[in-house]
All heavy atoms as atom14 arrays in JSON, in Angstrom:
{
  "sequence": "NYAASVKGRFTVSRDSAKNTLELQMNQLKPEDTAVYYCMSIVDGKPY",
  "atom14_mask": [
    [1, 1, 1, 1, 1, 1, 1, 1, 0, 0, 0, 0, 0, 0],
    [1, 1, 1, 1, 1, 1, 1, 1, 1, 1, 1, 1, 0, 0],
    [1, 1, 1, 1, 1, 0, 0, 0, 0, 0, 0, 0, 0, 0],
    [1, 1, 1, 1, 1, 0, 0, 0, 0, 0, 0, 0, 0, 0],
    [1, 1, 1, 1, 1, 1, 0, 0, 0, 0, 0, 0, 0, 0],
    [1, 1, 1, 1, 1, 1, 1, 0, 0, 0, 0, 0, 0, 0],
    [1, 1, 1, 1, 1, 1, 1, 1, 1, 0, 0, 0, 0, 0],
    [1, 1, 1, 1, 0, 0, 0, 0, 0, 0, 0, 0, 0, 0],
    [1, 1, 1, 1, 1, 1, 1, 1, 1, 1, 1, 0, 0, 0],
    [1, 1, 1, 1, 1, 1, 1, 1, 1, 1, 1, 0, 0, 0],
    [1, 1, 1, 1, 1, 1, 1, 0, 0, 0, 0, 0, 0, 0],
    [1, 1, 1, 1, 1, 1, 1, 0, 0, 0, 0, 0, 0, 0],
    [1, 1, 1, 1, 1, 1, 0, 0, 0, 0, 0, 0, 0, 0],
    [1, 1, 1, 1, 1, 1, 1, 1, 1, 1, 1, 0, 0, 0],
    [1, 1, 1, 1, 1, 1, 1, 1, 0, 0, 0, 0, 0, 0],
    [1, 1, 1, 1, 1, 1, 0, 0, 0, 0, 0, 0, 0, 0],
    [1, 1, 1, 1, 1, 0, 0, 0, 0, 0, 0, 0, 0, 0],
    [1, 1, 1, 1, 1, 1, 1, 1, 1, 0, 0, 0, 0, 0],
    [1, 1, 1, 1, 1, 1, 1, 1, 0, 0, 0, 0, 0, 0],
    [1, 1, 1, 1, 1, 1, 1, 0, 0, 0, 0, 0, 0, 0],
    [1, 1, 1, 1, 1, 1, 1, 1, 0, 0, 0, 0, 0, 0],
    [1, 1, 1, 1, 1, 1, 1, 1, 1, 0, 0, 0, 0, 0],
    [1, 1, 1, 1, 1, 1, 1, 1, 0, 0, 0, 0, 0, 0],
    [1, 1, 1, 1, 1, 1, 1, 1, 1, 0, 0, 0, 0, 0],
    [1, 1, 1, 1, 1, 1, 1, 1, 0, 0, 0, 0, 0, 0],
    [1, 1, 1, 1, 1, 1, 1, 1, 0, 0, 0, 0, 0, 0],
    [1, 1, 1, 1, 1, 1, 1, 1, 1, 0, 0, 0, 0, 0],
    [1, 1, 1, 1, 1, 1, 1, 1, 0, 0, 0, 0, 0, 0],
    [1, 1, 1, 1, 1, 1, 1, 1, 1, 0, 0, 0, 0, 0],
    [1, 1, 1, 1, 1, 1, 1, 0, 0, 0, 0, 0, 0, 0],
    [1, 1, 1, 1, 1, 1, 1, 1, 1, 0, 0, 0, 0, 0],
    [1, 1, 1, 1, 1, 1, 1, 1, 0, 0, 0, 0, 0, 0],
    [1, 1, 1, 1, 1, 1, 1, 0, 0, 0, 0, 0, 0, 0],
    [1, 1, 1, 1, 1, 0, 0, 0, 0, 0, 0, 0, 0, 0],
    [1, 1, 1, 1, 1, 1, 1, 0, 0, 0, 0, 0, 0, 0],
    [1, 1, 1, 1, 1, 1, 1, 1, 1, 1, 1, 1, 0, 0],
    [1, 1, 1, 1, 1, 1, 1, 1, 1, 1, 1, 1, 0, 0],
    [1, 1, 1, 1, 1, 1, 0, 0, 0, 0, 0, 0, 0, 0],
    [1, 1, 1, 1, 1, 1, 1, 1, 0, 0, 0, 0, 0, 0],
    [1, 1, 1, 1, 1, 1, 0, 0, 0, 0, 0, 0, 0, 0],
    [1, 1, 1, 1, 1, 1, 1, 1, 0, 0, 0, 0, 0, 0],
    [1, 1, 1, 1, 1, 1, 1, 0, 0, 0, 0, 0, 0, 0],
    [1, 1, 1, 1, 1, 1, 1, 1, 0, 0, 0, 0, 0, 0],
    [1, 1, 1, 1, 0, 0, 0, 0, 0, 0, 0, 0, 0, 0],
    [1, 1, 1, 1, 1, 1, 1, 1, 1, 0, 0, 0, 0, 0],
    [1, 1, 1, 1, 1, 1, 1, 0, 0, 0, 0, 0, 0, 0],
    [1, 1, 1, 1, 1, 1, 1, 1, 1, 1, 1, 1, 0, 0]
  ],
  "atom14_positions": [
    [[5.07, 8.69, 2.67], [4.27, 9.56, 3.5], [2.84, 9.05, 3.49], [2.41, 8.41, 2.52], [4.32, 11.01, 3.01], [3.95, 11.99, 4.1], [3.9, 11.64, 5.28], [3.67, 13.22, 3.72], [0.0, 0.0, 0.0], [0.0, 0.0, 0.0], [0.0, 0.0, 0.0], [0.0, 0.0, 0.0], [0.0, 0.0, 0.0], [0.0, 0.0, 0.0]],
    [[2.13, 9.34, 4.56], [0.79, 8.78, 4.74], [-0.19, 9.84, 5.21], [0.19, 10.81, 5.88], [0.83, 7.66, 5.78], [1.75, 6.52, 5.42], [3.09, 6.53, 5.78], [1.27, 5.43, 4.7], [3.94, 5.49, 5.43], [2.11, 4.38, 4.35], [3.43, 4.42, 4.72], [4.28, 3.38, 4.37], [0.0, 0.0, 0.0], [0.0, 0.0, 0.0]],
    [[-1.43, 9.63, 4.87], [-2.49, 10.45, 5.44], [-2.53, 10.18, 6.95], [-2.27, 9.06, 7.4], [-3.83, 10.1, 4.8], [0.0, 0.0, 0.0], [0.0, 0.0, 0.0], [0.0, 0.0, 0.0], [0.0, 0.0, 0.0], [0.0, 0.0, 0.0], [0.0, 0.0, 0.0], [0.0, 0.0, 0.0], [0.0, 0.0, 0.0], [0.0, 0.0, 0.0]],
    [[-2.87, 11.19, 7.7], [-2.9, 11.05, 9.15], [-3.85, 9.93, 9.59], [-3.6, 9.24, 10.58], [-3.3, 12.38, 9.79], [0.0, 0.0, 0.0], [0.0, 0.0, 0.0], [0.0, 0.0, 0.0], [0.0, 0.0, 0.0], [0.0, 0.0, 0.0], [0.0, 0.0, 0.0], [0.0, 0.0, 0.0], [0.0, 0.0, 0.0], [0.0, 0.0, 0.0]],
    [[-4.91, 9.75, 8.84], [-5.93, 8.77, 9.21], [-5.46, 7.32, 9.08], [-6.06, 6.42, 9.65], [-7.19, 8.97, 8.36], [-6.88, 8.85, 6.99], [0.0, 0.0, 0.0], [0.0, 0.0, 0.0], [0.0, 0.0, 0.0], [0.0, 0.0, 0.0], [0.0, 0.0, 0.0], [0.0, 0.0, 0.0], [0.0, 0.0, 0.0], [0.0, 0.0, 0.0]],
    [[-4.36, 7.09, 8.33], [-3.9, 5.72, 8.13], [-2.5, 5.48, 8.67], [-2.02, 4.35, 8.68], [-3.93, 5.32, 6.63], [-5.31, 5.59, 6.04], [-2.85, 6.03, 5.83], [0.0, 0.0, 0.0], [0.0, 0.0, 0.0], [0.0, 0.0, 0.0], [0.0, 0.0, 0.0], [0.0, 0.0, 0.0], [0.0, 0.0, 0.0], [0.0, 0.0, 0.0]],
    [[-1.84, 6.53, 9.11], [-0.45, 6.4, 9.59], [-0.39, 5.41, 10.74], [-1.2, 5.47, 11.67], [0.08, 7.77, 10.01], [1.57, 7.82, 10.22], [2.06, 9.25, 10.41], [1.93, 10.05, 9.14], [2.53, 11.41, 9.26], [0.0, 0.0, 0.0], [0.0, 0.0, 0.0], [0.0, 0.0, 0.0], [0.0, 0.0, 0.0], [0.0, 0.0, 0.0]],
    [[0.57, 4.51, 10.66], [0.72, 3.48, 11.68], [-0.07, 2.22, 11.4], [0.15, 1.19, 12.04], [0.0, 0.0, 0.0], [0.0, 0.0, 0.0], [0.0, 0.0, 0.0], [0.0, 0.0, 0.0], [0.0, 0.0, 0.0], [0.0, 0.0, 0.0], [0.0, 0.0, 0.0], [0.0, 0.0, 0.0], [0.0, 0.0, 0.0], [0.0, 0.0, 0.0]],
    [[-0.99, 2.29, 10.45], [-1.81, 1.12, 10.11], [-1.52, 0.62, 8.69], [-1.61, -0.58, 8.43], [-3.3, 1.45, 10.23], [-3.74, 1.89, 11.6], [-5.25, 2.03, 11.7], [-5.78, 3.07, 10.82], [-6.68, 2.85, 9.86], [-7.15, 1.64, 9.66], [-7.12, 3.86, 9.13], [0.0, 0.0, 0.0], [0.0, 0.0, 0.0], [0.0, 0.0, 0.0]],
    [[-1.2, 1.54, 7.79], [-0.96, 1.2, 6.39], [0.54, 1.32, 6.1], [1.22, 2.2, 6.64], [-1.72, 2.14, 5.45], [-3.22, 1.96, 5.44], [-3.88, 1.19, 6.39], [-3.98, 2.59, 4.46], [-5.25, 1.03, 6.38], [-5.35, 2.45, 4.43], [-5.99, 1.68, 5.38], [0.0, 0.0, 0.0], [0.0, 0.0, 0.0], [0.0, 0.0, 0.0]],
    [[1.01, 0.48, 5.19], [2.4, 0.54, 4.75], [2.45, 0.42, 3.23], [1.93, -0.54, 2.66], [3.24, -0.58, 5.37], [3.17, -0.5, 6.8], [4.7, -0.44, 4.95], [0.0, 0.0, 0.0], [0.0, 0.0, 0.0], [0.0, 0.0, 0.0], [0.0, 0.0, 0.0], [0.0, 0.0, 0.0], [0.0, 0.0, 0.0], [0.0, 0.0, 0.0]],
    [[3.09, 1.39, 2.59], [3.25, 1.37, 1.13], [4.67, 0.91, 0.81], [5.62, 1.26, 1.5], [2.97, 2.76, 0.52], [3.95, 3.81, 1.0], [2.94, 2.69, -1.0], [0.0, 0.0, 0.0], [0.0, 0.0, 0.0], [0.0, 0.0, 0.0], [0.0, 0.0, 0.0], [0.0, 0.0, 0.0], [0.0, 0.0, 0.0], [0.0, 0.0, 0.0]],
    [[4.8, 0.11, -0.24], [6.12, -0.38, -0.62], [6.15, -0.72, -2.11], [5.1, -0.93, -2.72], [6.49, -1.62, 0.2], [5.56, -2.67, -0.02], [0.0, 0.0, 0.0], [0.0, 0.0, 0.0], [0.0, 0.0, 0.0], [0.0, 0.0, 0.0], [0.0, 0.0, 0.0], [0.0, 0.0, 0.0], [0.0, 0.0, 0.0], [0.0, 0.0, 0.0]],
    [[7.34, -0.77, -2.65], [7.54, -1.17, -4.04], [8.19, -2.55, -4.05], [9.13, -2.8, -3.3], [8.44, -0.19, -4.77], [7.92, 1.24, -4.82], [8.79, 2.11, -5.69], [8.39, 3.5, -5.64], [8.54, 4.35, -6.65], [9.09, 3.93, -7.79], [8.17, 5.61, -6.53], [0.0, 0.0, 0.0], [0.0, 0.0, 0.0], [0.0, 0.0, 0.0]],
    [[7.68, -3.43, -4.88], [8.25, -4.76, -5.04], [8.84, -4.84, -6.43], [8.13, -5.05, -7.42], [7.17, -5.83, -4.83], [7.74, -7.22, -4.76], [8.74, -7.51, -5.46], [7.2, -8.05, -4.01], [0.0, 0.0, 0.0], [0.0, 0.0, 0.0], [0.0, 0.0, 0.0], [0.0, 0.0, 0.0], [0.0, 0.0, 0.0], [0.0, 0.0, 0.0]],
    [[10.15, -4.69, -6.52], [10.8, -4.68, -7.83], [10.77, -6.05, -8.5], [10.79, -6.15, -9.72], [12.24, -4.17, -7.7], [12.97, -4.98, -6.79], [0.0, 0.0, 0.0], [0.0, 0.0, 0.0], [0.0, 0.0, 0.0], [0.0, 0.0, 0.0], [0.0, 0.0, 0.0], [0.0, 0.0, 0.0], [0.0, 0.0, 0.0], [0.0, 0.0, 0.0]],
    [[10.7, -7.1, -7.71], [10.67, -8.45, -8.28], [9.35, -8.69, -9.01], [9.31, -9.35, -10.05], [10.87, -9.48, -7.19], [0.0, 0.0, 0.0], [0.0, 0.0, 0.0], [0.0, 0.0, 0.0], [0.0, 0.0, 0.0], [0.0, 0.0, 0.0], [0.0, 0.0, 0.0], [0.0, 0.0, 0.0], [0.0, 0.0, 0.0], [0.0, 0.0, 0.0]],
    [[8.27, -8.17, -8.46], [6.95, -8.35, -9.08], [6.54, -7.14, -9.91], [5.51, -7.18, -10.59], [5.89, -8.6, -7.99], [6.11, -9.89, -7.2], [4.9, -10.22, -6.32], [4.69, -9.2, -5.23], [3.57, -9.56, -4.33], [0.0, 0.0, 0.0], [0.0, 0.0, 0.0], [0.0, 0.0, 0.0], [0.0, 0.0, 0.0], [0.0, 0.0, 0.0]],
    [[7.33, -6.07, -9.85], [7.0, -4.82, -10.56], [5.65, -4.27, -10.11], [4.77, -3.94, -10.94], [7.0, -5.03, -12.07], [7.69, -3.89, -12.8], [8.76, -3.44, -12.4], [7.08, -3.41, -13.87], [0.0, 0.0, 0.0], [0.0, 0.0, 0.0], [0.0, 0.0, 0.0], [0.0, 0.0, 0.0], [0.0, 0.0, 0.0], [0.0, 0.0, 0.0]],
    [[5.49, -4.19, -8.8], [4.22, -3.73, -8.25], [4.44, -2.7, -7.15], [5.5, -2.62, -6.53], [3.42, -4.9, -7.64], [4.21, -5.52, -6.61], [3.04, -5.94, -8.69], [0.0, 0.0, 0.0], [0.0, 0.0, 0.0], [0.0, 0.0, 0.0], [0.0, 0.0, 0.0], [0.0, 0.0, 0.0], [0.0, 0.0, 0.0], [0.0, 0.0, 0.0]],
    [[3.38, -1.94, -6.92], [3.28, -1.08, -5.75], [2.3, -1.76, -4.81], [1.22, -2.16, -5.24], [2.77, 0.3, -6.13], [2.58, 1.28, -4.97], [3.93, 1.76, -4.47], [1.7, 2.46, -5.42], [0.0, 0.0, 0.0], [0.0, 0.0, 0.0], [0.0, 0.0, 0.0], [0.0, 0.0, 0.0], [0.0, 0.0, 0.0], [0.0, 0.0, 0.0]],
    [[2.68, -1.9, -3.55], [1.85, -2.62, -2.6], [1.32, -1.66, -1.54], [1.94, -0.64, -1.24], [2.68, -3.7, -1.91], [3.43, -4.64, -2.85], [2.53, -5.7, -3.44], [1.69, -6.23, -2.7], [2.67, -6.01, -4.65], [0.0, 0.0, 0.0], [0.0, 0.0, 0.0], [0.0, 0.0, 0.0], [0.0, 0.0, 0.0], [0.0, 0.0, 0.0]],
    [[0.18, -2.02, -0.97], [-0.35, -1.29, 0.18], [-0.85, -2.31, 1.18], [-1.88, -2.97, 0.96], [-1.48, -0.34, -0.21], [-2.0, 0.54, 0.93], [-0.94, 1.57, 1.36], [-3.29, 1.28, 0.51], [0.0, 0.0, 0.0], [0.0, 0.0, 0.0], [0.0, 0.0, 0.0], [0.0, 0.0, 0.0], [0.0, 0.0, 0.0], [0.0, 0.0, 0.0]],
    [[-0.11, -2.47, 2.26], [-0.53, -3.35, 3.34], [-1.4, -2.55, 4.3], [-0.96, -1.53, 4.82], [0.68, -3.92, 4.08], [0.34, -4.81, 5.26], [-0.36, -6.09, 4.83], [0.0, -6.71, 3.85], [-1.38, -6.49, 5.57], [0.0, 0.0, 0.0], [0.0, 0.0, 0.0], [0.0, 0.0, 0.0], [0.0, 0.0, 0.0], [0.0, 0.0, 0.0]],
    [[-2.61, -3.02, 4.5], [-3.57, -2.3, 5.34], [-3.93, -3.17, 6.53], [-4.5, -4.26, 6.36], [-4.83, -1.96, 4.53], [-4.54, -1.19, 3.24], [-6.04, -0.66, 2.38], [-6.75, -2.22, 1.95], [0.0, 0.0, 0.0], [0.0, 0.0, 0.0], [0.0, 0.0, 0.0], [0.0, 0.0, 0.0], [0.0, 0.0, 0.0], [0.0, 0.0, 0.0]],
    [[-3.57, -2.71, 7.71], [-3.86, -3.44, 8.94], [-4.83, -2.64, 9.81], [-5.01, -1.43, 9.6], [-2.58, -3.7, 9.72], [-1.58, -4.55, 8.94], [-1.97, -5.42, 8.17], [-0.3, -4.3, 9.15], [0.0, 0.0, 0.0], [0.0, 0.0, 0.0], [0.0, 0.0, 0.0], [0.0, 0.0, 0.0], [0.0, 0.0, 0.0], [0.0, 0.0, 0.0]],
    [[-5.41, -3.31, 10.78], [-6.34, -2.66, 11.72], [-7.38, -1.84, 10.97], [-7.63, -0.68, 11.3], [-5.56, -1.78, 12.69], [-4.5, -2.53, 13.49], [-3.61, -1.57, 14.28], [-4.11, -0.64, 14.92], [-2.31, -1.78, 14.21], [0.0, 0.0, 0.0], [0.0, 0.0, 0.0], [0.0, 0.0, 0.0], [0.0, 0.0, 0.0], [0.0, 0.0, 0.0]],
    [[-7.98, -2.45, 9.97], [-8.93, -1.73, 9.13], [-10.16, -1.3, 9.92], [-10.61, -2.0, 10.85], [-9.33, -2.6, 7.94], [-8.27, -2.65, 6.83], [-8.49, -3.84, 5.93], [-8.28, -1.36, 6.05], [0.0, 0.0, 0.0], [0.0, 0.0, 0.0], [0.0, 0.0, 0.0], [0.0, 0.0, 0.0], [0.0, 0.0, 0.0], [0.0, 0.0, 0.0]],
    [[-10.67, -0.15, 9.53], [-11.85, 0.44, 10.18], [-12.95, 0.63, 9.14], [-12.65, 0.76, 7.95], [-11.48, 1.8, 10.78], [-10.32, 1.77, 11.76], [-9.97, 3.18, 12.2], [-8.79, 3.19, 13.16], [-8.44, 4.58, 13.6], [0.0, 0.0, 0.0], [0.0, 0.0, 0.0], [0.0, 0.0, 0.0], [0.0, 0.0, 0.0], [0.0, 0.0, 0.0]],
    [[-14.2, 0.69, 9.57], [-15.28, 0.92, 8.6], [-15.06, 2.19, 7.78], [-15.43, 2.23, 6.59], [-16.52, 1.03, 9.49], [-16.19, 0.17, 10.67], [-14.72, 0.39, 10.91], [0.0, 0.0, 0.0], [0.0, 0.0, 0.0], [0.0, 0.0, 0.0], [0.0, 0.0, 0.0], [0.0, 0.0, 0.0], [0.0, 0.0, 0.0], [0.0, 0.0, 0.0]],
    [[-14.43, 3.19, 8.36], [-14.2, 4.44, 7.62], [-13.12, 4.3, 6.55], [-12.89, 5.24, 5.79], [-13.84, 5.59, 8.57], [-12.75, 5.29, 9.57], [-13.29, 4.85, 10.92], [-14.26, 4.05, 10.96], [-12.73, 5.29, 11.94], [0.0, 0.0, 0.0], [0.0, 0.0, 0.0], [0.0, 0.0, 0.0], [0.0, 0.0, 0.0], [0.0, 0.0, 0.0]],
    [[-12.45, 3.16, 6.49], [-11.51, 2.88, 5.41], [-12.22, 2.38, 4.16], [-11.58, 2.21, 3.11], [-10.47, 1.84, 5.84], [-9.56, 2.34, 6.95], [-9.14, 3.51, 6.89], [-9.26, 1.55, 7.87], [0.0, 0.0, 0.0], [0.0, 0.0, 0.0], [0.0, 0.0, 0.0], [0.0, 0.0, 0.0], [0.0, 0.0, 0.0], [0.0, 0.0, 0.0]],
    [[-13.5, 2.15, 4.26], [-14.27, 1.69, 3.11], [-14.23, 2.71, 1.99], [-14.55, 3.89, 2.19], [-15.74, 1.42, 3.51], [-15.78, 0.32, 4.43], [-16.59, 1.1, 2.3], [0.0, 0.0, 0.0], [0.0, 0.0, 0.0], [0.0, 0.0, 0.0], [0.0, 0.0, 0.0], [0.0, 0.0, 0.0], [0.0, 0.0, 0.0], [0.0, 0.0, 0.0]],
    [[-13.77, 2.27, 0.82], [-13.62, 3.18, -0.32], [-13.15, 2.39, -1.53], [-12.77, 1.22, -1.42], [-12.59, 4.27, 0.0], [0.0, 0.0, 0.0], [0.0, 0.0, 0.0], [0.0, 0.0, 0.0], [0.0, 0.0, 0.0], [0.0, 0.0, 0.0], [0.0, 0.0, 0.0], [0.0, 0.0, 0.0], [0.0, 0.0, 0.0], [0.0, 0.0, 0.0]],
    [[-13.17, 3.06, -2.67], [-12.49, 2.52, -3.84], [-11.06, 3.06, -3.81], [-10.86, 4.27, -3.67], [-13.19, 2.94, -5.14], [-12.42, 2.42, -6.35], [-14.63, 2.42, -5.17], [0.0, 0.0, 0.0], [0.0, 0.0, 0.0], [0.0, 0.0, 0.0], [0.0, 0.0, 0.0], [0.0, 0.0, 0.0], [0.0, 0.0, 0.0], [0.0, 0.0, 0.0]],
    [[-10.11, 2.17, -3.89], [-8.7, 2.53, -3.82], [-8.09, 2.52, -5.23], [-8.27, 1.57, -5.99], [-7.94, 1.56, -2.92], [-8.21, 1.8, -1.45], [-9.46, 1.49, -0.9], [-7.25, 2.35, -0.62], [-9.72, 1.72, 0.44], [-7.5, 2.58, 0.73], [-8.73, 2.27, 1.25], [-8.98, 2.51, 2.58], [0.0, 0.0, 0.0], [0.0, 0.0, 0.0]],
    [[-7.36, 3.58, -5.53], [-6.74, 3.75, -6.85], [-5.23, 3.88, -6.68], [-4.76, 4.58, -5.77], [-7.24, 5.02, -7.53], [-8.73, 5.1, -7.75], [-9.58, 5.59, -6.75], [-9.3, 4.71, -8.96], [-10.94, 5.67, -6.95], [-10.66, 4.8, -9.17], [-11.47, 5.27, -8.16], [-12.83, 5.35, -8.37], [0.0, 0.0, 0.0], [0.0, 0.0, 0.0]],
    [[-4.49, 3.25, -7.58], [-3.06, 3.5, -7.58], [-2.74, 4.58, -8.58], [-3.46, 4.79, -9.57], [-2.26, 2.23, -7.86], [-2.63, 1.39, -9.39], [0.0, 0.0, 0.0], [0.0, 0.0, 0.0], [0.0, 0.0, 0.0], [0.0, 0.0, 0.0], [0.0, 0.0, 0.0], [0.0, 0.0, 0.0], [0.0, 0.0, 0.0], [0.0, 0.0, 0.0]],
    [[-1.67, 5.29, -8.31], [-1.27, 6.44, -9.11], [0.22, 6.39, -9.32], [0.97, 5.88, -8.48], [-1.63, 7.72, -8.35], [-1.18, 9.03, -8.96], [0.57, 9.47, -8.66], [0.55, 9.7, -6.89], [0.0, 0.0, 0.0], [0.0, 0.0, 0.0], [0.0, 0.0, 0.0], [0.0, 0.0, 0.0], [0.0, 0.0, 0.0], [0.0, 0.0, 0.0]],
    [[0.65, 6.91, -10.47], [2.08, 6.97, -10.74], [2.39, 8.22, -11.53], [1.58, 8.67, -12.33], [2.54, 5.73, -11.51], [3.93, 5.8, -11.74], [0.0, 0.0, 0.0], [0.0, 0.0, 0.0], [0.0, 0.0, 0.0], [0.0, 0.0, 0.0], [0.0, 0.0, 0.0], [0.0, 0.0, 0.0], [0.0, 0.0, 0.0], [0.0, 0.0, 0.0]],
    [[3.56, 8.78, -11.3], [4.05, 9.91, -12.08], [5.27, 9.44, -12.86], [6.26, 9.0, -12.27], [4.4, 11.11, -11.19], [3.13, 11.63, -10.5], [5.03, 12.22, -12.03], [3.38, 12.78, -9.55], [0.0, 0.0, 0.0], [0.0, 0.0, 0.0], [0.0, 0.0, 0.0], [0.0, 0.0, 0.0], [0.0, 0.0, 0.0], [0.0, 0.0, 0.0]],
    [[5.15, 9.54, -14.18], [6.24, 9.13, -15.07], [6.52, 10.3, -16.01], [5.61, 10.8, -16.66], [5.86, 7.88, -15.88], [6.99, 7.5, -16.83], [5.53, 6.72, -14.96], [0.0, 0.0, 0.0], [0.0, 0.0, 0.0], [0.0, 0.0, 0.0], [0.0, 0.0, 0.0], [0.0, 0.0, 0.0], [0.0, 0.0, 0.0], [0.0, 0.0, 0.0]],
    [[7.78, 10.72, -16.05], [8.17, 11.86, -16.88], [7.28, 13.07, -16.59], [6.89, 13.81, -17.51], [8.09, 11.5, -18.37], [9.12, 10.46, -18.76], [10.17, 10.39, -18.09], [8.87, 9.7, -19.71], [0.0, 0.0, 0.0], [0.0, 0.0, 0.0], [0.0, 0.0, 0.0], [0.0, 0.0, 0.0], [0.0, 0.0, 0.0], [0.0, 0.0, 0.0]],
    [[6.96, 13.23, -15.32], [6.19, 14.39, -14.9], [4.71, 14.32, -15.14], [3.97, 15.26, -14.81], [0.0, 0.0, 0.0], [0.0, 0.0, 0.0], [0.0, 0.0, 0.0], [0.0, 0.0, 0.0], [0.0, 0.0, 0.0], [0.0, 0.0, 0.0], [0.0, 0.0, 0.0], [0.0, 0.0, 0.0], [0.0, 0.0, 0.0], [0.0, 0.0, 0.0]],
    [[4.22, 13.22, -15.69], [2.79, 13.08, -15.99], [2.16, 12.09, -15.02], [2.7, 11.01, -14.79], [2.59, 12.59, -17.42], [3.06, 13.55, -18.49], [2.82, 12.99, -19.89], [3.34, 13.93, -20.96], [3.13, 13.37, -22.32], [0.0, 0.0, 0.0], [0.0, 0.0, 0.0], [0.0, 0.0, 0.0], [0.0, 0.0, 0.0], [0.0, 0.0, 0.0]],
    [[0.98, 12.43, -14.48], [0.3, 11.51, -13.57], [-0.58, 10.5, -14.32], [-1.19, 10.84, -15.33], [-0.57, 12.44, -12.73], [-0.87, 13.57, -13.65], [0.31, 13.73, -14.56], [0.0, 0.0, 0.0], [0.0, 0.0, 0.0], [0.0, 0.0, 0.0], [0.0, 0.0, 0.0], [0.0, 0.0, 0.0], [0.0, 0.0, 0.0], [0.0, 0.0, 0.0]],
    [[-0.61, 9.3, -13.82], [-1.45, 8.24, -14.37], [-2.19, 7.57, -13.22], [-1.65, 7.41, -12.12], [-0.6, 7.19, -15.1], [0.16, 7.73, -16.29], [1.42, 8.31, -16.13], [-0.39, 7.66, -17.57], [2.11, 8.82, -17.21], [0.31, 8.16, -18.66], [1.56, 8.73, -18.47], [2.24, 9.22, -19.56], [0.0, 0.0, 0.0], [0.0, 0.0, 0.0]]
  ]
}
């Protein structure tokens, strides 16, 4: 699921071979400027 502001431009995916979460960001806009953080929930706890 995506925020409305990025839907159609961003794609999130899991790469099991690299053990990573990816975020492909296309058609970037100045309003996309930010610090980006990854998050995970394991055993019900957020990290």
